[in-house]
Amino acid sequence: MRNLEEYIVLAKEVEHSPLNEVFDLVFNMIDKYTGPEKNHKAKVMGWKTSYKEGLATEHKIRQKLLLMIGGVAQELKVIK
């Protein structure tokens, strides 16, 4: 695992911060840990669009974002 403390702090932010801020936090983590991997950002942008269009609930999006940052923190392949 990369930085457990950072992951825990970010996970709390994902659970409690406004969703727009959460997307920014996740994009920053992707930039920091995955480098040029663009599939992660594309996946998150898809979730953001789904939420904005009313196709997904805020709760569901937060769950997906938590799973993604957990996978990034554990250096797992998280694109499915």
Protein backbone atom coordinates (compact mmCIF):
# COMPACT_ATOMS: atom_id res chain seq x y z
CA MET A 1 0.00 0.00 0.00
CA ARG A 2 1.33 3.41 -0.90
CA ASN A 3 0.36 5.74 1.93
CA LEU A 4 -2.27 4.37 4.27
CA GLU A 5 -2.66 7.61 6.21
CA GLU A 6 -3.26 9.61 3.03
CA TYR A 7 -5.81 7.04 1.87
CA ILE A 8 -7.72 7.21 5.17
CA VAL A 9 -7.85 11.01 5.06
CA LEU A 10 -8.99 10.98 1.44
CA ALA A 11 -11.62 8.33 2.17
CA LYS A 12 -13.10 10.54 4.89
CA GLU A 13 -13.18 13.44 2.44
CA VAL A 14 -14.98 11.28 -0.12
CA GLU A 15 -17.62 10.39 2.45
CA HIS A 16 -18.27 13.91 3.77
CA SER A 17 -17.21 16.62 1.29
CA PRO A 18 -19.39 18.11 -1.44
CA LEU A 19 -19.30 15.82 -4.46
CA ASN A 20 -17.64 18.38 -6.77
CA GLU A 21 -14.75 18.68 -4.31
CA VAL A 22 -14.55 14.89 -4.11
CA PHE A 23 -14.08 14.61 -7.86
CA ASP A 24 -11.21 17.11 -7.66
CA LEU A 25 -9.57 15.14 -4.84
CA VAL A 26 -9.83 11.90 -6.78
CA PHE A 27 -8.42 13.49 -9.95
CA ASN A 28 -5.46 14.78 -7.89
CA MET A 29 -4.83 11.32 -6.47
CA ILE A 30 -4.98 9.79 -9.95
CA ASP A 31 -2.45 12.35 -11.19
CA LYS A 32 -0.18 11.67 -8.24
CA TYR A 33 -0.21 7.88 -8.36
CA THR A 34 -1.09 6.68 -11.82
CA GLY A 35 0.87 9.14 -13.94
CA PRO A 36 -0.06 9.05 -17.60
CA GLU A 37 -2.82 6.45 -17.12
CA LYS A 38 -5.80 8.15 -18.71
CA ASN A 39 -8.34 5.37 -18.29
CA HIS A 40 -8.78 6.20 -14.60
CA LYS A 41 -9.69 9.81 -15.38
CA ALA A 42 -12.02 8.75 -18.17
CA LYS A 43 -13.82 6.38 -15.81
CA VAL A 44 -14.25 9.09 -13.17
CA MET A 45 -15.46 11.57 -15.79
CA GLY A 46 -18.06 9.02 -16.87
CA TRP A 47 -19.29 8.72 -13.30
CA LYS A 48 -19.38 12.51 -12.96
CA THR A 49 -21.44 12.81 -16.14
CA SER A 50 -23.81 10.06 -14.99
CA TYR A 51 -24.36 11.88 -11.72
CA LYS A 52 -24.94 15.25 -13.39
CA GLU A 53 -27.44 13.69 -15.81
CA GLY A 54 -29.32 12.02 -12.96
CA LEU A 55 -28.42 8.50 -14.07
CA ALA A 56 -26.63 7.65 -10.82
CA THR A 57 -27.20 8.60 -7.19
CA GLU A 58 -24.70 10.54 -5.12
CA HIS A 59 -24.35 7.56 -2.78
CA LYS A 60 -23.51 5.20 -5.66
CA ILE A 61 -20.91 7.60 -7.07
CA ARG A 62 -19.25 8.01 -3.67
CA GLN A 63 -19.05 4.21 -3.35
CA LYS A 64 -17.40 3.91 -6.76
CA LEU A 65 -14.92 6.68 -5.94
CA LEU A 66 -14.02 5.01 -2.63
CA LEU A 67 -13.37 1.73 -4.41
CA MET A 68 -11.20 3.46 -6.98
CA ILE A 69 -9.02 5.32 -4.47
CA GLY A 70 -8.67 2.11 -2.46
CA GLY A 71 -7.46 0.33 -5.57
CA VAL A 72 -5.06 3.12 -6.43
CA ALA A 73 -3.72 3.14 -2.86
CA GLN A 74 -3.16 -0.62 -3.01
CA GLU A 75 -1.59 -0.40 -6.47
CA LEU A 76 -4.30 -2.60 -7.95
CA LYS A 77 -5.62 -2.42 -11.46
CA VAL A 78 -8.91 -0.66 -10.86
CA ILE A 79 -10.30 -0.19 -14.35
CA LYS A 80 -13.08 -2.69 -15.03
